[in-house]
Protein backbone atom coordinates (compact mmCIF):
# COMPACT_ATOMS: atom_id res chain seq x y z
CA GLU A 1 -24.53 -24.42 -63.83
CA GLY A 2 -25.10 -27.81 -62.20
CA LEU A 3 -21.45 -28.73 -62.76
CA LYS A 4 -20.36 -25.50 -61.07
CA ARG A 5 -22.51 -26.24 -58.05
CA THR A 6 -21.05 -29.73 -57.84
CA LEU A 7 -17.48 -28.39 -58.03
CA ARG A 8 -18.21 -25.81 -55.35
CA MET A 9 -19.67 -28.52 -53.15
CA LEU A 10 -16.63 -30.73 -53.64
CA LEU A 11 -14.33 -27.81 -52.89
CA LEU A 12 -16.27 -27.06 -49.70
CA VAL A 13 -16.09 -30.68 -48.60
CA PHE A 14 -12.35 -30.72 -49.32
CA CYS A 15 -11.77 -27.55 -47.29
CA VAL A 16 -13.80 -28.85 -44.35
CA ALA A 17 -11.91 -32.13 -44.43
CA ALA A 18 -8.59 -30.28 -44.62
CA LEU A 19 -9.46 -28.06 -41.67
CA ALA A 20 -10.61 -31.08 -39.70
CA GLY A 21 -7.34 -32.80 -40.52
CA ILE A 22 -5.32 -29.79 -39.42
CA ALA A 23 -7.31 -29.57 -36.16
CA LEU A 24 -6.82 -33.30 -35.56
CA LEU A 25 -3.11 -32.97 -36.25
CA ARG A 26 -2.83 -30.08 -33.81
CA MET A 27 -4.74 -32.03 -31.18
CA ARG A 28 -2.39 -34.95 -31.63
CA GLN A 29 0.60 -32.62 -31.49
CA ASP A 30 -0.73 -30.99 -28.29
CA ALA A 31 -1.13 -34.43 -26.82
CA VAL A 32 2.56 -35.17 -27.25
CA THR A 33 4.07 -31.72 -26.73
CA LEU A 34 4.24 -29.27 -23.83
CA LEU A 35 6.00 -25.91 -23.67
CA GLY A 36 7.18 -26.52 -27.22
CA ALA A 37 8.98 -29.70 -26.10
CA ARG A 38 8.21 -33.36 -26.79
CA LEU A 39 6.45 -35.33 -24.06
CA ALA A 40 8.46 -38.54 -24.04
CA ASP A 41 7.25 -41.91 -22.79
CA ALA A 42 9.48 -44.56 -21.25
CA GLU A 43 10.31 -46.12 -24.62
CA GLN A 44 11.42 -42.80 -26.11
CA LEU A 45 13.51 -41.96 -23.06
CA ALA A 46 15.15 -45.37 -23.24
CA SER A 47 16.08 -44.67 -26.86
CA ILE A 48 17.52 -41.27 -25.93
CA THR A 49 19.51 -42.50 -22.94
CA ALA A 50 20.99 -45.32 -25.05
CA LEU A 51 23.11 -42.61 -26.71
CA PRO A 52 26.37 -41.38 -25.14
CA GLN A 53 25.66 -39.11 -22.16
CA THR A 54 27.36 -35.72 -21.99
CA SER A 55 27.74 -33.13 -19.26
CA ALA A 56 24.91 -30.66 -18.76
CA GLU A 57 27.42 -27.86 -18.22
CA GLY A 58 27.25 -26.57 -21.78
CA CYS A 59 23.49 -27.10 -22.13
CA VAL A 60 21.66 -23.97 -21.01
CA LEU A 61 17.88 -24.02 -20.67
CA HIS A 62 15.86 -21.13 -22.12
CA TRP A 63 12.21 -20.06 -21.84
CA ASN A 64 10.89 -17.77 -24.58
CA GLY A 65 14.49 -17.28 -25.67
CA GLU A 66 15.81 -16.12 -22.27
CA VAL A 67 18.06 -18.16 -19.97
CA LEU A 68 15.97 -19.44 -17.08
CA PRO A 69 16.76 -18.56 -13.44
CA TYR A 70 19.43 -20.91 -12.12
CA ASP A 71 20.06 -21.92 -8.52
CA SER A 72 23.72 -22.92 -8.51
CA ALA A 73 23.56 -24.26 -4.94
CA ARG A 74 21.15 -26.96 -6.05
CA GLY A 75 22.12 -27.13 -9.72
CA VAL A 76 18.47 -26.60 -10.66
CA TYR A 77 16.61 -24.25 -13.00
CA CYS A 78 13.42 -22.41 -12.01
CA LEU A 79 10.58 -22.35 -14.53
CA PRO A 80 7.90 -19.77 -13.63
CA GLN A 81 4.45 -20.89 -14.80
CA PRO A 82 0.81 -19.90 -14.19
CA LEU A 83 -0.64 -20.95 -10.84
CA ASP A 84 -3.68 -22.56 -12.48
CA GLY A 85 -1.58 -25.41 -13.86
CA SER A 86 -1.66 -24.31 -17.49
CA ALA A 87 1.54 -24.12 -19.51
CA THR A 88 2.81 -21.07 -21.37
CA GLY A 89 5.91 -20.21 -23.38
CA SER A 90 8.42 -22.54 -25.01
CA LEU A 91 11.54 -24.30 -23.78
CA SER A 92 14.76 -24.53 -25.77
CA THR A 93 18.46 -25.11 -25.18
CA THR A 94 21.79 -24.12 -26.62
CA TRP A 95 21.88 -27.45 -28.46
CA GLY A 96 19.53 -30.33 -29.12
CA ARG A 97 15.83 -30.89 -28.65
CA VAL A 98 14.01 -30.77 -25.33
CA TYR A 99 12.17 -33.87 -24.08
CA LEU A 100 9.95 -33.89 -21.01
CA PRO A 101 9.19 -37.22 -19.27
CA ALA A 102 5.43 -37.66 -19.72
CA ASP A 103 4.99 -39.36 -16.35
CA GLN A 104 6.29 -36.22 -14.61
CA TRP A 105 5.02 -33.42 -16.83
CA ALA A 106 1.71 -34.50 -18.38
CA GLN A 107 -0.19 -34.44 -15.09
CA GLY A 108 0.34 -33.21 -11.54
CA ARG A 109 2.32 -30.07 -12.31
CA GLN A 110 0.38 -28.03 -9.73
CA ASP A 111 1.25 -30.54 -7.00
CA ALA A 112 4.89 -30.52 -8.06
CA MET A 113 4.88 -26.70 -7.95
CA ALA A 114 3.40 -26.49 -4.46
CA GLU A 115 5.71 -29.20 -3.11
CA GLY A 116 8.82 -27.75 -4.73
CA ARG A 117 9.61 -31.06 -6.44
CA THR A 118 12.15 -31.03 -9.22
CA LEU A 119 11.20 -32.38 -12.65
CA GLU A 120 13.57 -33.88 -15.21
CA VAL A 121 14.36 -32.39 -18.60
CA TYR A 122 16.23 -34.39 -21.25
CA VAL A 123 18.10 -32.85 -24.15
CA SER A 124 19.31 -34.75 -27.20
CA ASP A 125 20.54 -33.96 -30.70
CA GLY A 126 20.36 -37.56 -31.86
CA LYS A 127 24.02 -38.20 -31.09
CA ARG A 128 24.26 -37.43 -27.37
CA TRP A 129 22.05 -36.53 -24.44
CA CYS A 130 22.11 -34.79 -21.05
CA ARG A 131 19.71 -34.39 -18.17
CA LEU A 132 18.67 -31.11 -16.47
CA GLU A 133 16.47 -30.47 -13.43
CA VAL A 134 13.72 -27.88 -13.11
CA TYR A 135 11.26 -26.82 -10.45
CA LEU A 136 8.09 -24.87 -11.22
CA SER A 137 7.24 -21.58 -9.51
CA GLY A 138 3.91 -19.81 -9.49
CA VAL A 139 5.37 -16.34 -8.91
CA PRO A 140 7.48 -14.24 -11.31
CA ALA A 141 11.27 -14.48 -11.17
CA LEU A 142 13.85 -11.68 -11.37
CA VAL A 143 17.33 -12.64 -12.53
CA VAL A 144 20.24 -10.21 -12.06
CA HIS A 145 23.82 -10.77 -13.20
CA THR A 146 26.41 -8.35 -11.82
CA GLN A 147 29.15 -7.09 -14.11
CA ARG A 148 30.86 -4.48 -11.91
CA SER A 149 30.52 -2.85 -8.51
CA VAL A 150 31.47 0.61 -7.24
CA PRO A 151 32.01 0.86 -3.44
CA TYR A 152 30.54 3.68 -1.38
CA LYS A 153 30.26 4.58 2.30
CA LEU A 154 27.33 5.89 4.30
CA ASP A 155 27.78 9.30 5.87
CA PRO A 156 28.63 8.54 9.54
CA GLN A 157 26.95 11.82 10.55
CA TYR A 158 23.57 10.25 9.94
CA VAL A 159 23.98 6.57 10.82
CA SER A 160 25.36 4.39 13.56
CA GLY A 161 28.97 3.26 13.43
CA THR A 162 27.87 -0.28 12.60
CA MET A 163 26.05 0.81 9.48
CA ALA A 164 28.77 3.21 8.41
CA SER A 165 31.30 0.37 8.46
CA LEU A 166 29.32 -1.81 6.04
CA ASP A 167 30.90 -2.59 2.69
CA LEU A 168 28.30 -1.04 0.40
CA ALA A 169 28.34 -0.82 -3.38
CA PHE A 170 26.44 0.34 -6.43
CA ASN A 171 26.24 -2.78 -8.59
CA TYR A 172 25.82 -2.70 -12.36
CA GLY A 173 24.73 -5.51 -14.64
CA GLU A 174 21.83 -7.01 -16.57
CA TYR A 175 18.39 -8.24 -15.53
CA THR A 176 15.61 -10.45 -16.87
CA LEU A 177 12.12 -10.55 -15.41
CA PHE A 178 9.99 -13.65 -16.09
CA TRP A 179 6.20 -13.19 -15.85
CA PRO A 180 4.21 -16.12 -17.27
CA GLU A 181 0.89 -14.47 -16.33
CA GLY A 182 1.61 -11.50 -18.60
CA ASN A 183 0.85 -11.13 -22.29
CA SER A 184 3.40 -12.20 -24.90
CA ARG A 185 5.06 -8.77 -24.93
CA SER A 186 5.57 -8.60 -21.17
CA GLN A 187 6.31 -12.23 -20.26
CA THR A 188 10.02 -11.45 -20.36
CA VAL A 189 11.54 -8.00 -19.79
CA THR A 190 15.29 -7.46 -20.11
CA GLY A 191 17.71 -4.60 -19.77
CA ASN A 192 20.56 -3.03 -17.83
CA ILE A 193 20.34 -2.34 -14.13
CA GLU A 194 22.01 -0.71 -11.12
CA TYR A 195 21.08 -2.14 -7.73
CA HIS A 196 22.15 -1.55 -4.14
CA TRP A 197 21.07 -2.23 -0.58
CA ARG A 198 18.33 0.00 0.80
CA GLY A 199 16.68 0.75 4.14
CA ASN A 200 17.99 1.52 7.59
CA THR A 201 17.89 -1.56 9.83
CA ASN A 202 17.51 -3.61 6.65
CA LEU A 203 21.18 -2.92 5.96
CA LEU A 204 21.99 -5.17 8.91
CA ALA A 205 19.65 -7.99 7.85
CA ASN A 206 21.13 -11.13 6.34
CA LYS A 207 18.41 -11.00 3.71
CA LYS A 208 18.91 -7.58 2.15
CA ALA A 209 16.35 -5.20 0.69
CA TYR A 210 17.30 -3.61 -2.64
CA ARG A 211 16.83 -0.50 -4.70
CA LEU A 212 16.67 -1.11 -8.47
CA ASN A 213 17.43 1.46 -11.16
CA LEU A 214 16.67 0.36 -14.72
CA LEU A 215 19.14 1.74 -17.27
CA ASP A 216 19.45 1.93 -21.05
CA ALA A 217 22.58 1.16 -23.03
CA LYS A 218 23.96 4.64 -22.24
CA GLY A 219 23.36 4.31 -18.51
CA GLN A 220 20.34 6.62 -18.50
CA PRO A 221 17.02 5.83 -16.74
CA ASP A 222 14.96 3.34 -18.74
CA ALA A 223 11.32 3.27 -17.64
CA LYS A 224 9.58 -0.08 -18.12
CA ASP A 225 6.35 -1.64 -16.92
CA LEU A 226 7.15 -4.51 -14.57
CA LEU A 227 4.39 -6.98 -13.68
CA GLY A 228 1.69 -4.54 -14.76
CA LEU A 229 2.59 -2.05 -12.00
CA GLY A 230 3.17 0.84 -14.40
CA GLU A 231 6.16 2.30 -16.21
CA ASP A 232 9.07 3.47 -14.12
CA ALA A 233 12.87 3.36 -14.05
CA ASP A 234 13.05 3.24 -10.23
CA TRP A 235 11.92 0.18 -8.28
CA PHE A 236 12.58 -1.46 -4.93
CA LEU A 237 12.48 -4.95 -3.44
CA LEU A 238 10.91 -5.61 -0.04
CA ASN A 239 12.67 -8.38 1.87
CA PHE A 240 9.93 -9.33 4.39
CA ALA A 241 12.78 -9.68 6.89
CA THR A 242 10.58 -9.72 10.00
CA ASP A 243 7.43 -11.20 8.49
CA THR A 244 6.54 -14.86 8.93
CA THR A 245 3.48 -14.42 6.69
CA ARG A 246 5.38 -12.56 3.92
CA ALA A 247 2.06 -10.76 3.39
CA ARG A 248 1.78 -7.85 5.81
CA ASP A 249 3.25 -5.14 3.55
CA LYS A 250 1.24 -6.32 0.58
CA VAL A 251 -2.07 -6.58 2.46
CA ALA A 252 -1.63 -3.17 4.11
CA TRP A 253 -1.02 -1.53 0.76
CA GLN A 254 -3.91 -3.39 -0.83
CA LEU A 255 -6.19 -1.97 1.86
CA TRP A 256 -4.90 1.55 1.23
CA GLN A 257 -5.29 1.15 -2.54
CA GLN A 258 -8.90 0.12 -2.01
CA MET A 259 -9.47 3.27 0.03
CA ALA A 260 -7.82 5.40 -2.66
CA GLN A 261 -10.01 3.82 -5.34
CA GLN A 262 -13.15 4.66 -3.37
CA ASN A 263 -12.19 8.20 -2.29
CA ASP A 264 -10.89 11.03 -4.45
CA HIS A 265 -9.24 12.63 -1.42
CA ASP A 266 -6.99 9.58 -0.82
CA LEU A 267 -3.97 9.35 -3.12
CA PRO A 268 -2.73 6.00 -4.47
CA GLY A 269 0.21 4.55 -2.61
CA ILE A 270 2.41 1.53 -3.20
CA GLN A 271 1.40 -1.58 -5.11
CA ALA A 272 3.59 -4.65 -4.73
CA GLU A 273 3.74 -8.04 -6.43
CA TYR A 274 5.66 -11.13 -5.38
CA VAL A 275 8.85 -12.10 -7.17
CA GLU A 276 11.66 -14.58 -6.50
CA LEU A 277 15.15 -13.14 -6.83
CA TYR A 278 18.14 -14.91 -8.39
CA LEU A 279 21.31 -12.91 -7.95
CA ASP A 280 24.36 -14.11 -9.87
CA ASP A 281 22.92 -17.64 -10.16
CA THR A 282 22.11 -17.77 -6.45
CA TYR A 283 18.55 -18.07 -5.16
CA VAL A 284 18.08 -15.16 -2.75
CA GLY A 285 14.44 -15.67 -1.79
CA LEU A 286 10.95 -14.21 -2.03
CA TYR A 287 10.56 -10.43 -2.36
CA GLY A 288 7.92 -7.84 -3.08
CA ILE A 289 8.67 -5.64 -6.07
CA ALA A 290 7.15 -2.16 -6.10
CA ARG A 291 7.58 1.23 -7.73
CA PRO A 292 8.17 4.21 -5.45
CA ILE A 293 5.68 7.00 -4.90
CA SER A 294 6.79 9.76 -7.25
CA ARG A 295 5.69 12.52 -9.58
CA ASP A 296 4.93 9.91 -12.24
CA SER A 297 2.96 7.54 -10.01
CA LEU A 298 0.86 10.42 -8.65
CA GLN A 299 0.76 12.34 -11.96
CA LEU A 300 1.82 15.54 -10.23
CA SER A 301 1.90 18.94 -11.86
CA ALA A 302 4.97 21.13 -12.07
CA ASN A 303 3.78 23.21 -9.11
CA ASP A 304 2.92 20.38 -6.70
CA LEU A 305 5.26 19.73 -3.76
CA LEU A 306 5.95 16.18 -2.55
CA TYR A 307 7.96 15.29 0.58
CA LYS A 308 9.11 11.94 1.91
CA TRP A 309 9.63 11.61 5.65
CA ARG A 310 11.77 8.50 6.05
CA THR A 311 12.68 8.33 9.74
CA MET A 312 13.82 10.38 12.72
CA PRO A 313 17.30 11.25 14.05
CA MET A 314 18.56 9.06 16.87
CA ASP A 315 17.59 11.71 19.44
CA ARG A 316 14.06 11.92 17.94
CA SER A 317 14.42 15.67 17.48
CA MET A 318 12.06 17.41 15.06
CA PRO A 319 13.24 19.85 12.41
CA THR A 320 12.95 23.40 13.73
CA ALA A 321 12.46 26.75 12.05
CA GLU A 322 16.24 27.07 12.10
CA THR A 323 16.54 23.68 10.39
CA PHE A 324 14.31 24.73 7.51
CA ALA A 325 16.01 28.12 7.23
CA SER A 326 19.37 26.35 6.91
CA LEU A 327 18.01 24.02 4.22
CA GLU A 328 16.75 27.02 2.26
CA GLU A 329 20.04 28.88 2.69
CA ASN A 330 22.02 25.87 1.44
CA GLU A 331 19.49 25.19 -1.33
CA SER A 332 19.29 21.60 -0.14
CA LEU A 333 16.57 19.08 -0.97
CA SER A 334 17.15 16.82 2.03
CA TRP A 335 17.38 17.06 5.80
CA GLY A 336 20.01 14.40 6.36
CA VAL A 337 18.65 10.98 5.47
CA TRP A 338 15.42 11.71 7.33
CA LEU A 339 13.30 14.07 5.25
CA GLU A 340 13.56 14.96 1.58
CA VAL A 341 11.85 16.84 -1.21
CA VAL A 342 10.80 14.24 -3.77
CA TRP A 343 9.27 16.75 -6.19
CA PRO A 344 10.46 19.07 -7.62
CA LYS A 345 13.81 17.49 -8.43
CA THR A 346 15.69 20.78 -8.31
CA TYR A 347 15.73 23.40 -5.59
CA THR A 348 13.35 26.33 -5.87
CA GLU A 349 13.11 29.16 -3.38
CA GLY A 350 10.61 28.47 -0.61
CA VAL A 351 10.36 24.73 -1.36
CA TRP A 352 10.62 23.90 2.37
CA GLN A 353 8.02 26.39 3.61
CA PRO A 354 4.96 24.10 3.33
CA MET A 355 6.76 21.37 5.28
CA ALA A 356 7.87 23.87 7.92
CA ASP A 357 4.27 25.08 8.25
CA TYR A 358 2.99 21.51 8.60
CA VAL A 359 5.48 20.73 11.38
CA ASP A 360 4.50 23.94 13.15
CA LEU A 361 0.81 23.13 12.73
CA TYR A 362 0.74 19.48 13.81
CA TYR A 363 4.06 18.45 15.36
CA THR A 364 4.96 21.33 17.65
CA PRO A 365 4.33 20.46 21.34
CA GLY A 366 1.80 22.72 23.01
CA ALA A 367 0.74 24.34 19.73
CA GLN A 368 -2.97 25.00 19.34
CA THR A 369 -4.79 26.32 16.32
CA SER A 370 -8.31 26.96 15.13
CA TRP A 371 -10.47 24.53 13.19
CA GLN A 372 -10.74 27.09 10.41
CA LYS A 373 -6.93 27.15 10.10
CA LEU A 374 -6.84 23.35 9.79
CA GLU A 375 -9.61 23.33 7.18
CA SER A 376 -7.90 26.03 5.12
CA THR A 377 -4.54 24.21 5.02
CA THR A 378 -5.36 20.46 5.12
CA ASN A 379 -7.73 18.10 3.38
CA LEU A 380 -9.33 16.83 6.59
CA ASP A 381 -11.01 13.89 4.85
CA ASN A 382 -7.58 12.61 3.84
CA LEU A 383 -6.15 13.38 7.28
CA LEU A 384 -8.85 11.27 8.91
CA ASP A 385 -8.50 8.39 6.46
CA VAL A 386 -4.73 8.11 6.89
CA SER A 387 -4.97 8.28 10.67
CA LEU A 388 -7.77 5.72 10.91
CA PHE A 389 -6.08 3.42 8.42
CA ARG A 390 -2.87 3.46 10.47
CA GLN A 391 -4.79 2.61 13.62
CA PHE A 392 -6.61 -0.22 11.84
CA VAL A 393 -3.42 -1.90 10.56
CA CYS A 394 -1.62 -1.04 13.83
CA ALA A 395 1.24 0.76 12.10
CA ALA A 396 3.59 0.79 15.09
CA ASP A 397 6.45 2.48 13.22
CA ASN A 398 4.48 5.26 11.49
CA PHE A 399 4.09 8.42 13.52
CA SER A 400 5.22 11.66 11.87
CA TYR A 401 7.69 9.71 9.74
CA ASN A 402 7.20 6.84 7.28
CA GLN A 403 4.77 8.77 5.14
CA TYR A 404 4.64 11.09 2.15
CA PHE A 405 3.28 14.65 2.29
CA LEU A 406 1.82 16.44 -0.71
CA GLN A 407 0.87 20.07 -0.99
CA SER A 408 -1.42 20.17 -3.99
CA SER A 409 -1.20 23.21 -6.24
CA ALA A 410 -4.82 22.60 -7.30
CA ASP A 411 -6.33 23.49 -3.92
CA GLY A 412 -3.28 24.43 -1.79
CA LEU A 413 -4.10 21.71 0.77
CA TYR A 414 -1.94 19.10 2.50
CA TYR A 415 -2.44 15.39 1.76
CA ARG A 416 -0.68 12.36 3.21
CA ILE A 417 0.11 8.89 1.86
CA PRO A 418 1.07 5.98 4.16
CA TRP A 419 4.40 4.32 3.49
CA ASP A 420 6.64 1.57 4.90
CA MET A 421 4.13 -0.93 6.26
CA ASP A 422 6.46 -3.63 7.62
CA TYR A 423 5.50 -3.24 11.29
CA THR A 424 1.75 -3.75 11.05
CA PHE A 425 -0.98 -6.21 12.02
CA GLY A 426 0.53 -6.94 15.43
CA ASP A 427 4.19 -7.22 14.44
CA TYR A 428 6.43 -4.74 16.22
CA TYR A 429 9.87 -4.35 17.76
CA ASP A 430 11.12 -4.47 21.35
CA GLU A 431 10.41 -0.83 22.22
CA PHE A 432 6.72 -1.77 22.36
CA TYR A 433 7.00 -5.14 24.13
CA SER A 434 5.57 -3.72 27.35
CA LEU A 435 2.36 -2.75 25.53
CA ASP A 436 -0.61 -4.89 24.63
CA MET A 437 -1.22 -3.70 21.09
CA THR A 438 -4.66 -5.27 21.00
CA SER A 439 -5.76 -2.53 23.39
CA THR A 440 -3.33 0.31 22.65
CA PHE A 441 -4.33 3.38 20.66
CA LEU A 442 -1.22 4.57 18.84
CA PRO A 443 -0.53 8.27 19.45
CA ASP A 444 -1.63 10.38 16.50
CA MET A 445 -0.53 14.00 16.49
CA GLU A 446 -2.83 14.94 13.62
CA LEU A 447 -5.94 13.60 15.39
CA ASP A 448 -4.80 15.26 18.61
CA THR A 449 -4.53 18.60 16.82
CA LEU A 450 -8.09 18.22 15.54
CA TYR A 451 -9.28 17.34 19.02
CA TYR A 452 -7.69 20.34 20.69
CA ALA A 453 -9.04 22.67 17.98
CA ASP A 454 -12.64 21.49 18.59
CA SER A 455 -13.06 18.34 20.66
CA GLY A 456 -16.77 17.84 20.03
CA ARG A 457 -16.52 18.28 16.30
CA ALA A 458 -13.42 16.06 16.09
CA GLN A 459 -15.09 13.27 18.07
CA GLN A 460 -18.14 13.36 15.82
CA LEU A 461 -16.11 13.29 12.60
CA ILE A 462 -13.82 10.50 13.81
CA ALA A 463 -16.72 8.32 15.00
CA GLN A 464 -18.66 8.85 11.77
CA ARG A 465 -15.73 8.18 9.44
CA TRP A 466 -14.59 5.13 11.42
CA SER A 467 -18.10 3.67 11.17
CA GLU A 468 -18.15 4.27 7.40
CA LEU A 469 -14.77 2.64 6.83
CA ARG A 470 -15.62 -0.31 9.08
CA GLY A 471 -18.57 -0.99 6.81
CA THR A 472 -16.56 -0.87 3.55
CA VAL A 473 -12.80 -1.42 3.32
CA LEU A 474 -11.65 -1.82 6.92
CA THR A 475 -13.51 -5.02 7.73
CA MET A 476 -12.35 -8.26 9.26
CA GLU A 477 -13.76 -10.12 6.27
CA ASN A 478 -11.66 -8.05 3.86
CA VAL A 479 -8.46 -8.52 5.87
CA THR A 480 -9.08 -12.26 6.16
CA ALA A 481 -9.67 -12.55 2.41
CA LEU A 482 -6.52 -10.59 1.50
CA PHE A 483 -4.28 -12.57 3.85
CA GLY A 484 -5.89 -15.79 2.62
CA ALA A 485 -5.28 -14.90 -1.03
CA ALA A 486 -1.64 -14.06 -0.31
CA GLN A 487 -1.07 -17.28 1.62
CA ASP A 488 -2.79 -19.36 -1.06
CA GLN A 489 -0.56 -17.84 -3.74
CA LEU A 490 2.64 -18.26 -1.74
CA THR A 491 1.83 -21.85 -0.76
CA ALA A 492 0.56 -23.04 -4.15
CA SER A 493 3.52 -21.44 -5.91
CA GLY A 494 6.09 -23.17 -3.70
CA ALA A 495 7.70 -19.78 -3.03
CA LEU A 496 6.89 -19.68 0.69
CA GLY A 497 8.49 -23.09 1.21
CA ARG A 498 11.67 -22.08 -0.62
CA ASP A 499 12.00 -18.76 1.18
CA THR A 500 11.33 -20.30 4.58
CA ALA A 501 13.84 -23.09 3.93
CA LEU A 502 16.47 -20.45 3.14
CA TRP A 503 15.69 -17.76 5.74
CA GLY A 504 13.50 -19.35 8.39
CA ASN A 505 10.51 -17.60 9.91
CA ALA A 506 11.58 -13.95 10.00
CA GLU A 507 15.00 -14.80 11.41
CA THR A 508 17.18 -12.75 9.08
CA TYR A 509 18.36 -10.23 11.67
CA PRO A 510 21.24 -10.91 14.10
CA TRP A 511 18.92 -9.86 16.97
CA GLU A 512 15.78 -11.91 16.26
CA SER A 513 14.57 -11.64 19.87
CA HIS A 514 14.02 -7.91 19.41
CA TYR A 515 11.19 -8.46 16.93
CA ARG A 516 7.75 -9.92 17.51
CA THR A 517 6.37 -11.75 14.51
CA LEU A 518 3.05 -13.53 14.00
CA ASP A 519 1.91 -16.21 11.58
CA THR A 520 -1.31 -15.72 9.61
CA GLU A 521 -3.59 -17.36 12.16
CA GLN A 522 -2.09 -15.33 15.01
CA THR A 523 -2.34 -12.17 12.90
CA LEU A 524 -6.06 -12.62 12.28
CA GLU A 525 -6.65 -13.40 15.96
CA PHE A 526 -4.78 -10.22 16.89
CA MET A 527 -6.93 -8.20 14.46
CA GLU A 528 -10.17 -9.55 15.93
CA GLN A 529 -9.12 -8.39 19.38
CA ARG A 530 -7.77 -5.02 18.25
CA LEU A 531 -10.86 -4.12 16.26
CA ALA A 532 -13.10 -4.82 19.23
CA PHE A 533 -11.00 -2.31 21.18
CA LEU A 534 -10.87 0.26 18.37
CA ASP A 535 -14.62 0.20 17.78
CA ASP A 536 -15.13 1.32 21.37
CA TYR A 537 -12.29 3.86 21.32
CA MET A 538 -13.35 5.54 18.08
CA ALA A 539 -16.89 6.04 19.38
CA GLU A 540 -15.58 8.84 21.60
CA TYR A 541 -12.00 9.70 20.68
CA THR A 542 -9.63 11.26 23.18
CA PRO A 543 -5.87 11.82 22.70
CA ALA A 544 -3.86 8.71 23.59
CA ASP A 545 -1.35 8.52 26.41
CA ARG A 546 2.14 9.09 24.99
CA GLU A 547 4.19 8.20 28.05
CA ALA A 548 4.99 4.69 26.85
CA PHE A 549 6.14 5.87 23.42
CA ASP A 550 9.77 6.88 23.68
CA VAL A 551 10.03 6.63 19.90
CA LEU A 552 7.78 9.63 19.37
CA PRO A 553 9.44 12.75 17.97
CA LYS A 554 10.54 15.24 20.61
């Protein structure tokens, strides 16, 4: 028995020593390796570079088995990595072993990332060597390689001659999304893709906005979760074409998401994450990737009705009863490029009636209705929240259009969701240059309808709800924190510097002077002034003067 105890003790000591040895070995290995590559000191690099040097052309750098984003203009790879300075994933090449100069890679990677400095990568198989260059990025990267394009033309009936003459195309190819902050299963996502330009004025921007359709091997929709935003086959890229901060869209949607999380009557809208786009080995810049509002994102039932109001015709005319009757007769799901039925996907009789009723209720000049009628058709809590949110962010391009409308089959009521938040927080185009937006209440036809139905009751509700929101989500502190977080991420990642170097400060349109754009400090100063005005105005709401707003629907 004593011998057995002794043997067990010896075995335990041996196991502990072995584990300690393994841990020590791993610590020593970690000390000399990074990203699965060897950290090489000056002596090791001298030994490598004593071999014959070969061209880097045939040496392709991979991360987690996928070819890294490549900027052909600079001849440099992009390596997305966590913002906190940690390292994740493994580097490899088409031949040889990867060596990272210790004096560049062991310390100071966060500084190199923020400054956009390139780092050296050496590759050797013991017989030859080559040198590659890499810069670190703290935001995900989307790589798209085009294989074929199919031209198409815009319908000149709905767009200006300039837009109709653009050379547009549906482009097909492959994509890879790099996300170092994700788990091992989602750090790289690959597949087939169709992409094309999207937007109205964005079609004329030098920096394009894009629609992305993920496809399987048979060309069918292939829903995937990108950057933790949820599974979908349809995505889009925001170009921040008029935004010096590159944060306005994102912050506006973050504010709305916070409202939706706190209130059951507010439906979730868009969520966006930053990504850098590499198109056919060309760095295209910083974008926001987001999934559209849809049946899937809202988890709609078969009997719900969802409409998307994109924009207005050039003459600002509203759809009439005759318009909706024609759409029903032709079994159409879209009124030009302006208004469409998003759900259901196929025509059903009467699908346009709820939208026709809404236009008649809220957007018909001179129309007046009872408070009871409004309560029986519309979720007034949601109506108030959307209207007050749009005033808070100063959504200067969001009147009847640029929003989604839902008629819920659960209660039969109308709900709205804000959309297209590029002209917010004091940025607007030349049609509003004569106005001081710090002291301008944007016309709101929904609030006006409430007021004319019962002015006293409307004023009380508006004042009460504004006070509640100003104490929770719609605060200066919250806006400052969200803009600060966005700017910290964009600066520390190096992405803002790269995008600004390529596109300037919101100078991607051929008519830059027609757009007013503010930096972050100016934006926050604008918000301070506007909120002081709004707090007084909301205390006793009256319909705003519409004379200066030629862009309003007629």
